[in-house]
PDB file of N, CA and C in Angstrom:
ATOM      1  N   MET A   1       0.701  -1.109  -0.137  1.00  0.00           N
ATOM      2  CA  MET A   1       0.047   0.123   0.031  1.00  0.00           C
ATOM      3  C   MET A   1       0.928   1.206  -0.149  1.00  0.00           C
ATOM      4  N   ARG A   2       1.888   1.149   0.655  1.00  0.00           N
ATOM      5  CA  ARG A   2       2.918   2.173   0.597  1.00  0.00           C
ATOM      6  C   ARG A   2       3.278   2.839  -0.867  1.00  0.00           C
ATOM      7  N   GLU A   3       3.410   1.757  -1.818  1.00  0.00           N
ATOM      8  CA  GLU A   3       3.754   2.340  -3.163  1.00  0.00           C
ATOM      9  C   GLU A   3       2.937   3.395  -3.923  1.00  0.00           C
ATOM     10  N   PRO A   4       1.626   3.230  -3.862  1.00  0.00           N
ATOM     11  CA  PRO A   4       0.662   4.264  -4.160  1.00  0.00           C
ATOM     12  C   PRO A   4       0.717   5.396  -3.650  1.00  0.00           C
ATOM     13  N   GLU A   5       1.174   5.508  -2.357  1.00  0.00           N
ATOM     14  CA  GLU A   5       1.555   6.897  -1.869  1.00  0.00           C
ATOM     15  C   GLU A   5       2.677   7.501  -2.139  1.00  0.00           C
ATOM     16  N   ARG A   6       3.591   6.848  -2.265  1.00  0.00           N
ATOM     17  CA  ARG A   6       4.710   7.296  -2.951  1.00  0.00           C
ATOM     18  C   ARG A   6       4.888   8.238  -4.015  1.00  0.00           C
ATOM     19  N   ARG A   7       4.233   7.267  -5.056  1.00  0.00           N
ATOM     20  CA  ARG A   7       3.639   7.693  -6.580  1.00  0.00           C
ATOM     21  C   ARG A   7       2.860   9.201  -6.425  1.00  0.00           C
ATOM     22  N   ILE A   8       1.888   9.334  -5.449  1.00  0.00           N
ATOM     23  CA  ILE A   8       1.177  10.484  -5.317  1.00  0.00           C
ATOM     24  C   ILE A   8       2.272  11.752  -4.902  1.00  0.00           C
ATOM     25  N   ILE A   9       3.127  11.460  -4.099  1.00  0.00           N
ATOM     26  CA  ILE A   9       4.050  12.430  -3.622  1.00  0.00           C
ATOM     27  C   ILE A   9       5.155  12.757  -4.818  1.00  0.00           C
ATOM     28  N   GLU A  10       5.683  11.962  -5.686  1.00  0.00           N
ATOM     29  CA  GLU A  10       6.255  12.066  -6.608  1.00  0.00           C
ATOM     30  C   GLU A  10       5.725  12.940  -7.773  1.00  0.00           C
ATOM     31  N   MET A  11       4.293  12.716  -7.915  1.00  0.00           N
ATOM     32  CA  MET A  11       3.558  13.609  -8.908  1.00  0.00           C
ATOM     33  C   MET A  11       3.342  14.805  -8.464  1.00  0.00           C
ATOM     34  N   ARG A  12       3.195  14.904  -7.202  1.00  0.00           N
ATOM     35  CA  ARG A  12       2.930  16.286  -6.631  1.00  0.00           C
ATOM     36  C   ARG A  12       4.254  17.247  -6.810  1.00  0.00           C
ATOM     37  N   LEU A  13       5.462  16.329  -6.530  1.00  0.00           N
ATOM     38  CA  LEU A  13       6.810  17.269  -6.730  1.00  0.00           C
ATOM     39  C   LEU A  13       6.982  17.469  -8.053  1.00  0.00           C
ATOM     40  N   GLU A  14       6.645  16.688  -9.024  1.00  0.00           N
ATOM     41  CA  GLU A  14       7.025  16.705 -10.687  1.00  0.00           C
ATOM     42  C   GLU A  14       6.075  17.993 -10.947  1.00  0.00           C
ATOM     43  N   ARG A  15       4.938  17.941 -10.445  1.00  0.00           N
ATOM     44  CA  ARG A  15       3.810  19.096 -10.698  1.00  0.00           C
ATOM     45  C   ARG A  15       4.532  20.463 -10.229  1.00  0.00           C
ATOM     46  N   GLU A  16       5.060  20.579  -8.994  1.00  0.00           N
ATOM     47  CA  GLU A  16       5.612  21.701  -8.545  1.00  0.00           C
ATOM     48  C   GLU A  16       6.962  22.253  -9.059  1.00  0.00           C
ATOM     49  N   LYS A  17       7.794  21.329  -9.683  1.00  0.00           N
ATOM     50  CA  LYS A  17       8.873  21.472 -10.267  1.00  0.00           C
ATOM     51  C   LYS A  17       8.191  22.009 -11.957  1.00  0.00           C
ATOM     52  N   LEU A  18       7.333  21.515 -12.489  1.00  0.00           N
ATOM     53  CA  LEU A  18       6.796  22.184 -13.594  1.00  0.00           C
ATOM     54  C   LEU A  18       6.247  23.494 -13.670  1.00  0.00           C
ATOM     55  N   GLU A  19       5.504  23.752 -12.455  1.00  0.00           N
ATOM     56  CA  GLU A  19       4.931  25.255 -12.091  1.00  0.00           C
ATOM     57  C   GLU A  19       6.091  26.474 -11.917  1.00  0.00           C
ATOM     58  N   ARG A  20       7.070  25.781 -11.263  1.00  0.00           N
ATOM     59  CA  ARG A  20       8.371  26.647 -11.003  1.00  0.00           C
ATOM     60  C   ARG A  20       9.097  26.827 -12.381  1.00  0.00           C
ATOM     61  N   ARG A  21       9.035  25.792 -13.398  1.00  0.00           N
ATOM     62  CA  ARG A  21       9.925  26.065 -14.496  1.00  0.00           C
ATOM     63  C   ARG A  21       8.966  26.905 -15.414  1.00  0.00           C
ATOM     64  N   ILE A  22       7.603  26.939 -15.359  1.00  0.00           N
ATOM     65  CA  ILE A  22       6.725  27.991 -15.965  1.00  0.00           C
ATOM     66  C   ILE A  22       6.979  29.323 -15.506  1.00  0.00           C
ATOM     67  N   HIS A  23       7.159  29.562 -14.205  1.00  0.00           N
ATOM     68  CA  HIS A  23       7.231  30.861 -13.776  1.00  0.00           C
ATOM     69  C   HIS A  23       8.836  31.266 -14.267  1.00  0.00           C
ATOM     70  N   GLU A  24       9.770  30.553 -14.380  1.00  0.00           N
ATOM     71  CA  GLU A  24      11.163  31.020 -14.751  1.00  0.00           C
ATOM     72  C   GLU A  24      11.009  31.249 -16.261  1.00  0.00           C
ATOM     73  N   LEU A  25      10.453  30.219 -17.045  1.00  0.00           N
ATOM     74  CA  LEU A  25      10.174  30.656 -18.470  1.00  0.00           C
ATOM     75  C   LEU A  25       9.616  31.897 -18.942  1.00  0.00           C
ATOM     76  N   ALA A  26       8.750  32.393 -18.218  1.00  0.00           N
ATOM     77  CA  ALA A  26       7.558  33.675 -18.166  1.00  0.00           C
ATOM     78  C   ALA A  26       8.733  34.701 -17.904  1.00  0.00           C
ATOM     79  N   ASP A  27       9.334  34.596 -16.850  1.00  0.00           N
ATOM     80  CA  ASP A  27      10.310  35.520 -16.159  1.00  0.00           C
ATOM     81  C   ASP A  27      11.380  35.903 -17.603  1.00  0.00           C
ATOM     82  N   VAL A  28      11.659  35.244 -18.119  1.00  0.00           N
ATOM     83  CA  VAL A  28      12.726  35.379 -19.174  1.00  0.00           C
ATOM     84  C   VAL A  28      12.272  35.495 -20.544  1.00  0.00           C
ATOM     85  N   GLY A  29      10.864  35.624 -20.718  1.00  0.00           N
ATOM     86  CA  GLY A  29      10.410  36.032 -21.784  1.00  0.00           C
ATOM     87  C   GLY A  29      10.452  34.852 -23.134  1.00  0.00           C
ATOM     88  N   GLU A  30      10.355  33.552 -22.454  1.00  0.00           N
ATOM     89  CA  GLU A  30      10.296  32.384 -23.383  1.00  0.00           C
ATOM     90  C   GLU A  30       8.841  32.003 -23.593  1.00  0.00           C
ATOM     91  N   VAL A  31       7.963  32.910 -24.126  1.00  0.00           N
ATOM     92  CA  VAL A  31       6.632  32.769 -24.268  1.00  0.00           C
ATOM     93  C   VAL A  31       5.939  32.997 -25.634  1.00  0.00           C
ATOM     94  N   ALA A  32       5.559  31.931 -26.373  1.00  0.00           N
ATOM     95  CA  ALA A  32       4.896  32.352 -27.745  1.00  0.00           C
ATOM     96  C   ALA A  32       3.231  32.455 -27.694  1.00  0.00           C
ATOM     97  N   PHE A  33       2.879  33.276 -28.311  1.00  0.00           N
ATOM     98  CA  PHE A  33       1.289  33.132 -28.203  1.00  0.00           C
ATOM     99  C   PHE A  33       0.717  32.451 -29.368  1.00  0.00           C
ATOM    100  N   GLY A  34      -0.179  31.707 -29.383  1.00  0.00           N
ATOM    101  CA  GLY A  34      -0.746  30.940 -30.674  1.00  0.00           C
ATOM    102  C   GLY A  34      -1.986  31.674 -31.130  1.00  0.00           C
ATOM    103  N   SER A  35      -2.300  31.940 -32.378  1.00  0.00           N
ATOM    104  CA  SER A  35      -3.415  32.904 -32.869  1.00  0.00           C
ATOM    105  C   SER A  35      -4.580  32.765 -32.208  1.00  0.00           C
ATOM    106  N   HIS A  36      -4.982  31.591 -32.018  1.00  0.00           N
ATOM    107  CA  HIS A  36      -6.294  31.196 -31.072  1.00  0.00           C
ATOM    108  C   HIS A  36      -6.248  32.140 -29.763  1.00  0.00           C
ATOM    109  N   ALA A  37      -5.019  32.133 -28.966  1.00  0.00           N
ATOM    110  CA  ALA A  37      -4.894  32.668 -27.718  1.00  0.00           C
ATOM    111  C   ALA A  37      -5.219  34.130 -28.021  1.00  0.00           C
ATOM    112  N   ILE A  38      -4.422  34.717 -29.049  1.00  0.00           N
ATOM    113  CA  ILE A  38      -4.396  36.136 -29.302  1.00  0.00           C
ATOM    114  C   ILE A  38      -5.912  36.400 -29.512  1.00  0.00           C
ATOM    115  N   GLU A  39      -6.752  35.633 -30.245  1.00  0.00           N
ATOM    116  CA  GLU A  39      -8.069  36.114 -30.618  1.00  0.00           C
ATOM    117  C   GLU A  39      -8.810  35.933 -29.438  1.00  0.00           C
ATOM    118  N   ARG A  40      -8.634  35.001 -28.539  1.00  0.00           N
ATOM    119  CA  ARG A  40      -9.587  34.871 -27.369  1.00  0.00           C
ATOM    120  C   ARG A  40      -9.018  36.264 -26.273  1.00  0.00           C
ATOM    121  N   MET A  41      -7.862  36.485 -26.298  1.00  0.00           N
ATOM    122  CA  MET A  41      -7.511  37.736 -25.497  1.00  0.00           C
ATOM    123  C   MET A  41      -8.559  38.914 -25.807  1.00  0.00           C
ATOM    124  N   GLU A  42      -8.215  39.301 -27.194  1.00  0.00           N
ATOM    125  CA  GLU A  42      -8.867  40.284 -27.795  1.00  0.00           C
ATOM    126  C   GLU A  42     -10.341  40.061 -27.393  1.00  0.00           C
ATOM    127  N   GLU A  43     -10.997  39.058 -27.330  1.00  0.00           N
ATOM    128  CA  GLU A  43     -12.531  38.675 -27.384  1.00  0.00           C
ATOM    129  C   GLU A  43     -13.056  38.779 -25.916  1.00  0.00           C
ATOM    130  N   ARG A  44     -12.182  38.458 -25.326  1.00  0.00           N
ATOM    131  CA  ARG A  44     -12.341  38.622 -23.558  1.00  0.00           C
ATOM    132  C   ARG A  44     -11.765  39.741 -22.909  1.00  0.00           C
ATOM    133  N   GLY A  45     -11.197  40.613 -23.552  1.00  0.00           N
ATOM    134  CA  GLY A  45     -10.554  41.751 -22.904  1.00  0.00           C
ATOM    135  C   GLY A  45      -9.392  41.405 -21.876  1.00  0.00           C
ATOM    136  N   ILE A  46      -8.642  40.361 -22.476  1.00  0.00           N
ATOM    137  CA  ILE A  46      -7.446  40.054 -21.511  1.00  0.00           C
ATOM    138  C   ILE A  46      -6.086  40.370 -22.033  1.00  0.00           C
ATOM    139  N   SER A  47      -5.265  41.186 -21.388  1.00  0.00           N
ATOM    140  CA  SER A  47      -4.080  41.836 -21.889  1.00  0.00           C
ATOM    141  C   SER A  47      -2.812  40.941 -21.838  1.00  0.00           C
ATOM    142  N   ASP A  48      -1.739  41.108 -22.787  1.00  0.00           N
ATOM    143  CA  ASP A  48      -0.687  40.155 -22.614  1.00  0.00           C
ATOM    144  C   ASP A  48      -0.018  40.344 -21.079  1.00  0.00           C
ATOM    145  N   VAL A  49       0.074  41.613 -20.724  1.00  0.00           N
ATOM    146  CA  VAL A  49       0.489  41.710 -19.240  1.00  0.00           C
ATOM    147  C   VAL A  49      -0.233  40.918 -18.184  1.00  0.00           C
ATOM    148  N   GLN A  50      -1.397  40.834 -18.337  1.00  0.00           N
ATOM    149  CA  GLN A  50      -2.376  39.851 -17.470  1.00  0.00           C
ATOM    150  C   GLN A  50      -1.944  38.533 -17.552  1.00  0.00           C
ATOM    151  N   VAL A  51      -1.666  37.942 -18.897  1.00  0.00           N
ATOM    152  CA  VAL A  51      -1.451  36.574 -19.085  1.00  0.00           C
ATOM    153  C   VAL A  51       0.211  36.398 -18.566  1.00  0.00           C
ATOM    154  N   LEU A  52       1.177  37.153 -18.864  1.00  0.00           N
ATOM    155  CA  LEU A  52       2.562  37.196 -18.617  1.00  0.00           C
ATOM    156  C   LEU A  52       2.458  37.031 -16.745  1.00  0.00           C
ATOM    157  N   ARG A  53       1.613  38.050 -16.314  1.00  0.00           N
ATOM    158  CA  ARG A  53       1.625  37.904 -14.769  1.00  0.00           C
ATOM    159  C   ARG A  53       1.195  36.734 -14.048  1.00  0.00           C
ATOM    160  N   ALA A  54       0.058  36.135 -14.543  1.00  0.00           N
ATOM    161  CA  ALA A  54      -0.376  34.793 -14.351  1.00  0.00           C
ATOM    162  C   ALA A  54       0.555  33.587 -14.606  1.00  0.00           C
ATOM    163  N   LEU A  55       1.461  33.893 -15.687  1.00  0.00           N
ATOM    164  CA  LEU A  55       2.602  32.778 -16.015  1.00  0.00           C
ATOM    165  C   LEU A  55       3.711  32.921 -14.924  1.00  0.00           C
ATOM    166  N   LYS A  56       4.093  34.149 -14.475  1.00  0.00           N
ATOM    167  CA  LYS A  56       4.868  34.241 -13.619  1.00  0.00           C
ATOM    168  C   LYS A  56       4.558  33.939 -11.967  1.00  0.00           C
ATOM    169  N   THR A  57       3.457  34.180 -11.548  1.00  0.00           N
ATOM    170  CA  THR A  57       2.824  33.862 -10.169  1.00  0.00           C
ATOM    171  C   THR A  57       1.815  32.816  -9.916  1.00  0.00           C
ATOM    172  N   GLY A  58       0.938  32.232 -11.097  1.00  0.00           N
ATOM    173  CA  GLY A  58      -0.022  31.594 -11.052  1.00  0.00           C
ATOM    174  C   GLY A  58       0.273  30.245 -10.704  1.00  0.00           C
ATOM    175  N   GLU A  59      -0.655  29.215 -10.351  1.00  0.00           N
ATOM    176  CA  GLU A  59      -0.572  27.760  -9.969  1.00  0.00           C
ATOM    177  C   GLU A  59      -1.358  27.187 -11.249  1.00  0.00           C
ATOM    178  N   ILE A  60      -0.593  25.936 -11.197  1.00  0.00           N
ATOM    179  CA  ILE A  60      -1.131  24.853 -12.092  1.00  0.00           C
ATOM    180  C   ILE A  60      -2.531  24.608 -11.503  1.00  0.00           C
ATOM    181  N   ARG A  61      -3.604  24.366 -12.088  1.00  0.00           N
ATOM    182  CA  ARG A  61      -4.833  23.903 -11.663  1.00  0.00           C
ATOM    183  C   ARG A  61      -5.462  22.738 -12.537  1.00  0.00           C
ATOM    184  N   GLY A  62      -5.987  21.603 -12.031  1.00  0.00           N
ATOM    185  CA  GLY A  62      -6.505  20.508 -12.932  1.00  0.00           C
ATOM    186  C   GLY A  62      -5.406  19.854 -13.256  1.00  0.00           C
ATOM    187  N   ASP A  63      -5.758  19.017 -14.435  1.00  0.00           N
ATOM    188  CA  ASP A  63      -4.811  17.894 -14.688  1.00  0.00           C
ATOM    189  C   ASP A  63      -3.309  18.743 -15.695  1.00  0.00           C
ATOM    190  N   VAL A  64      -2.124  17.839 -15.388  1.00  0.00           N
ATOM    191  CA  VAL A  64      -1.248  18.123 -16.493  1.00  0.00           C
ATOM    192  C   VAL A  64      -1.097  16.636 -17.308  1.00  0.00           C
ATOM    193  N   THR A  65      -0.918  17.176 -18.640  1.00  0.00           N
ATOM    194  CA  THR A  65      -1.354  15.734 -19.576  1.00  0.00           C
ATOM    195  C   THR A  65      -0.215  15.907 -20.714  1.00  0.00           C
ATOM    196  N   PRO A  66       0.256  15.293 -20.997  1.00  0.00           N
ATOM    197  CA  PRO A  66       1.050  14.983 -22.240  1.00  0.00           C
ATOM    198  C   PRO A  66       0.601  15.766 -23.316  1.00  0.00           C
ATOM    199  N   GLY A  67       1.610  16.720 -24.139  1.00  0.00           N
ATOM    200  CA  GLY A  67       1.238  17.661 -25.295  1.00  0.00           C
ATOM    201  C   GLY A  67       0.983  16.581 -26.646  1.00  0.00           C
ATOM    202  N   ASP A  68       0.934  16.979 -27.686  1.00  0.00           N
ATOM    203  CA  ASP A  68       0.815  16.140 -28.729  1.00  0.00           C
ATOM    204  C   ASP A  68       2.154  15.698 -29.378  1.00  0.00           C
ATOM    205  N   ARG A  69       3.094  16.363 -28.910  1.00  0.00           N
ATOM    206  CA  ARG A  69       4.438  16.073 -29.349  1.00  0.00           C
ATOM    207  C   ARG A  69       5.494  15.502 -28.141  1.00  0.00           C
ATOM    208  N   PRO A  70       6.384  14.791 -28.324  1.00  0.00           N
ATOM    209  CA  PRO A  70       7.282  14.324 -27.243  1.00  0.00           C
ATOM    210  C   PRO A  70       8.030  15.636 -26.596  1.00  0.00           C
ATOM    211  N   ALA A  71       8.065  15.364 -25.394  1.00  0.00           N
ATOM    212  CA  ALA A  71       8.512  16.510 -24.567  1.00  0.00           C
ATOM    213  C   ALA A  71       7.607  17.536 -24.470  1.00  0.00           C
ATOM    214  N   GLU A  72       6.409  17.396 -24.535  1.00  0.00           N
ATOM    215  CA  GLU A  72       5.442  18.705 -24.221  1.00  0.00           C
ATOM    216  C   GLU A  72       4.648  18.194 -23.082  1.00  0.00           C
ATOM    217  N   TRP A  73       4.328  19.121 -22.319  1.00  0.00           N
ATOM    218  CA  TRP A  73       3.216  19.105 -21.158  1.00  0.00           C
ATOM    219  C   TRP A  73       2.145  20.304 -21.379  1.00  0.00           C
ATOM    220  N   LYS A  74       1.215  19.624 -20.940  1.00  0.00           N
ATOM    221  CA  LYS A  74       0.005  20.819 -21.118  1.00  0.00           C
ATOM    222  C   LYS A  74      -0.876  20.947 -19.750  1.00  0.00           C
ATOM    223  N   CYS A  75      -0.967  22.235 -19.400  1.00  0.00           N
ATOM    224  CA  CYS A  75      -1.735  22.530 -18.328  1.00  0.00           C
ATOM    225  C   CYS A  75      -2.356  23.958 -18.128  1.00  0.00           C
ATOM    226  N   LYS A  76      -2.914  24.049 -17.109  1.00  0.00           N
ATOM    227  CA  LYS A  76      -3.818  25.300 -17.001  1.00  0.00           C
ATOM    228  C   LYS A  76      -3.086  26.192 -15.885  1.00  0.00           C
ATOM    229  N   ILE A  77      -2.821  27.394 -16.108  1.00  0.00           N
ATOM    230  CA  ILE A  77      -2.095  28.269 -14.833  1.00  0.00           C
ATOM    231  C   ILE A  77      -3.485  29.269 -14.640  1.00  0.00           C
ATOM    232  N   VAL A  78      -3.510  29.232 -13.570  1.00  0.00           N
ATOM    233  CA  VAL A  78      -4.713  30.286 -12.970  1.00  0.00           C
ATOM    234  C   VAL A  78      -3.994  31.372 -11.884  1.00  0.00           C
ATOM    235  N   GLU A  79      -4.372  32.301 -12.118  1.00  0.00           N
ATOM    236  CA  GLU A  79      -4.272  33.321 -11.113  1.00  0.00           C
ATOM    237  C   GLU A  79      -5.146  34.366 -10.789  1.00  0.00           C
ATOM    238  N   LYS A  80      -5.344  34.835  -9.865  1.00  0.00           N
ATOM    239  CA  LYS A  80      -6.406  35.961  -9.479  1.00  0.00           C
ATOM    240  C   LYS A  80      -5.649  37.223  -9.894  1.00  0.00           C
ATOM    241  N   MET A  81      -6.221  37.854 -10.584  1.00  0.00           N
ATOM    242  CA  MET A  81      -5.727  39.464 -10.986  1.00  0.00           C
ATOM    243  C   MET A  81      -6.353  40.300  -9.768  1.00  0.00           C
ATOM    244  N   ARG A  82      -5.389  41.177  -9.190  1.00  0.00           N
ATOM    245  CA  ARG A  82      -5.497  42.000  -8.191  1.00  0.00           C
ATOM    246  C   ARG A  82      -6.945  42.876  -8.503  1.00  0.00           C
ATOM    247  N   GLY A  83      -7.820  42.470  -7.327  1.00  0.00           N
ATOM    248  CA  GLY A  83      -9.104  43.311  -7.239  1.00  0.00           C
ATOM    249  C   GLY A  83      -9.849  42.635  -8.664  1.00  0.00           C
ATOM    250  N   MET A  84      -9.875  41.816  -9.432  1.00  0.00           N
ATOM    251  CA  MET A  84     -10.285  41.212 -10.449  1.00  0.00           C
ATOM    252  C   MET A  84     -10.796  39.857 -10.332  1.00  0.00           C
ATOM    253  N   ARG A  85     -11.097  39.206 -11.308  1.00  0.00           N
ATOM    254  CA  ARG A  85     -11.252  37.726 -11.580  1.00  0.00           C
ATOM    255  C   ARG A  85     -10.242  36.955 -11.843  1.00  0.00           C
ATOM    256  N   GLU A  86     -10.268  35.561 -11.765  1.00  0.00           N
ATOM    257  CA  GLU A  86      -9.297  34.600 -11.943  1.00  0.00           C
ATOM    258  C   GLU A  86      -8.994  34.588 -13.601  1.00  0.00           C
ATOM    259  N   ILE A  87      -7.919  34.361 -13.856  1.00  0.00           N
ATOM    260  CA  ILE A  87      -7.583  34.208 -15.312  1.00  0.00           C
ATOM    261  C   ILE A  87      -6.827  32.967 -15.473  1.00  0.00           C
ATOM    262  N   GLY A  88      -7.316  31.929 -16.582  1.00  0.00           N
ATOM    263  CA  GLY A  88      -6.967  30.959 -16.802  1.00  0.00           C
ATOM    264  C   GLY A  88      -5.894  30.875 -17.976  1.00  0.00           C
ATOM    265  N   VAL A  89      -4.770  30.290 -18.017  1.00  0.00           N
ATOM    266  CA  VAL A  89      -4.187  30.322 -19.043  1.00  0.00           C
ATOM    267  C   VAL A  89      -3.479  29.069 -19.464  1.00  0.00           C
ATOM    268  N   VAL A  90      -4.229  28.409 -20.677  1.00  0.00           N
ATOM    269  CA  VAL A  90      -3.727  26.991 -21.079  1.00  0.00           C
ATOM    270  C   VAL A  90      -2.334  27.148 -21.830  1.00  0.00           C
ATOM    271  N   THR A  91      -1.429  26.270 -21.184  1.00  0.00           N
ATOM    272  CA  THR A  91       0.140  26.479 -21.415  1.00  0.00           C
ATOM    273  C   THR A  91       0.454  25.216 -21.971  1.00  0.00           C
ATOM    274  N   ILE A  92       1.454  25.085 -23.032  1.00  0.00           N
ATOM    275  CA  ILE A  92       2.273  24.102 -23.566  1.00  0.00           C
ATOM    276  C   ILE A  92       3.657  24.277 -23.078  1.00  0.00           C
ATOM    277  N   VAL A  93       4.296  23.432 -22.338  1.00  0.00           N
ATOM    278  CA  VAL A  93       5.833  23.767 -21.988  1.00  0.00           C
ATOM    279  C   VAL A  93       6.404  22.789 -22.848  1.00  0.00           C
ATOM    280  N   ILE A  94       7.186  23.428 -23.846  1.00  0.00           N
ATOM    281  CA  ILE A  94       7.986  22.616 -25.024  1.00  0.00           C
ATOM    282  C   ILE A  94       9.159  22.608 -24.615  1.00  0.00           C
ATOM    283  N   ARG A  95       9.657  21.106 -24.378  1.00  0.00           N
ATOM    284  CA  ARG A  95      11.136  20.633 -24.236  1.00  0.00           C
ATOM    285  C   ARG A  95      11.674  21.503 -22.855  1.00  0.00           C
ATOM    286  N   ASN A  96      10.688  21.949 -22.258  1.00  0.00           N
ATOM    287  CA  ASN A  96      11.271  22.567 -20.888  1.00  0.00           C
ATOM    288  C   ASN A  96      11.985  23.721 -21.117  1.00  0.00           C
ATOM    289  N   LYS A  97      11.688  24.265 -22.447  1.00  0.00           N
ATOM    290  CA  LYS A  97      12.428  25.340 -22.901  1.00  0.00           C
ATOM    291  C   LYS A  97      11.539  26.664 -23.331  1.00  0.00           C
ATOM    292  N   ARG A  98      10.415  26.455 -23.614  1.00  0.00           N
ATOM    293  CA  ARG A  98       9.641  27.578 -24.044  1.00  0.00           C
ATOM    294  C   ARG A  98       8.089  27.370 -23.745  1.00  0.00           C
ATOM    295  N   LEU A  99       7.502  28.454 -23.498  1.00  0.00           N
ATOM    296  CA  LEU A  99       5.924  28.137 -23.237  1.00  0.00           C
ATOM    297  C   LEU A  99       5.080  28.790 -24.570  1.00  0.00           C
ATOM    298  N   PHE A 100       4.156  27.856 -24.919  1.00  0.00           N
ATOM    299  CA  PHE A 100       3.070  28.037 -26.044  1.00  0.00           C
ATOM    300  C   PHE A 100       1.789  28.161 -25.336  1.00  0.00           C
ATOM    301  N   ILE A 101       1.365  29.497 -25.653  1.00  0.00           N
ATOM    302  CA  ILE A 101      -0.030  29.733 -24.886  1.00  0.00           C
ATOM    303  C   ILE A 101      -1.113  29.342 -25.906  1.00  0.00           C
ATOM    304  N   LYS A 102      -2.057  28.490 -25.662  1.00  0.00           N
ATOM    305  CA  LYS A 102      -3.048  27.841 -26.549  1.00  0.00           C
ATOM    306  C   LYS A 102      -4.416  28.675 -26.501  1.00  0.00           C
ATOM    307  N   THR A 103      -4.670  29.088 -25.404  1.00  0.00           N
ATOM    308  CA  THR A 103      -5.973  30.074 -25.284  1.00  0.00           C
ATOM    309  C   THR A 103      -5.847  30.310 -23.626  1.00  0.00           C
ATOM    310  N   VAL A 104      -6.726  31.554 -23.600  1.00  0.00           N
ATOM    311  CA  VAL A 104      -6.835  32.328 -22.429  1.00  0.00           C
ATOM    312  C   VAL A 104      -8.501  32.499 -22.088  1.00  0.00           C
ATOM    313  N   GLU A 105      -8.709  32.449 -20.481  1.00  0.00           N
ATOM    314  CA  GLU A 105      -9.951  32.515 -20.464  1.00  0.00           C
ATOM    315  C   GLU A 105     -10.231  33.130 -19.119  1.00  0.00           C
ATOM    316  N   TRP A 106     -11.452  33.680 -18.727  1.00  0.00           N
ATOM    317  CA  TRP A 106     -11.932  34.052 -17.378  1.00  0.00           C
ATOM    318  C   TRP A 106     -12.459  32.657 -16.886  1.00  0.00           C
ATOM    319  N   GLU A 107     -12.111  32.544 -15.658  1.00  0.00           N
ATOM    320  CA  GLU A 107     -12.326  31.156 -14.971  1.00  0.00           C
ATOM    321  C   GLU A 107     -14.026  31.084 -14.616  1.00  0.00           C
ATOM    322  N   ASP A 108     -14.426  32.300 -14.410  1.00  0.00           N
ATOM    323  CA  ASP A 108     -15.921  32.469 -13.919  1.00  0.00           C
ATOM    324  C   ASP A 108     -16.931  32.246 -14.941  1.00  0.00           C
ATOM    325  N   LEU A 109     -16.539  32.166 -16.435  1.00  0.00           N
ATOM    326  CA  LEU A 109     -17.459  32.199 -17.174  1.00  0.00           C
ATOM    327  C   LEU A 109     -17.815  30.931 -17.861  1.00  0.00           C
ATOM    328  N   LYS A 110     -17.461  29.894 -17.332  1.00  0.00           N
ATOM    329  CA  LYS A 110     -17.822  28.451 -17.459  1.00  0.00           C
ATOM    330  C   LYS A 110     -19.093  28.051 -17.624  1.00  0.00           C
TER     331      LYS A 110
END
């Protein structure tokens, strides 16, 4: 029975490492916005400054899943904007070196 518990702890640590890496990559500007993300930002009134802030300080919410290509991980970073709503940024971490923003949304509009 101890083996499954250890796996849960290891997954949590990996999740924390991925979150830290997203923060680091956002800090140095290794971020690319997909056309869909740009369209959703314009439609929803979300600025690039808000997205970058979320990437630099937000937390992973929900599942972390493999991306479409090897060495990719997909997750959602969520951050409460100061005095505002929560923003969700669906992010793909590419080879642990770059972030690709797939889409952006307000979390309370689901």
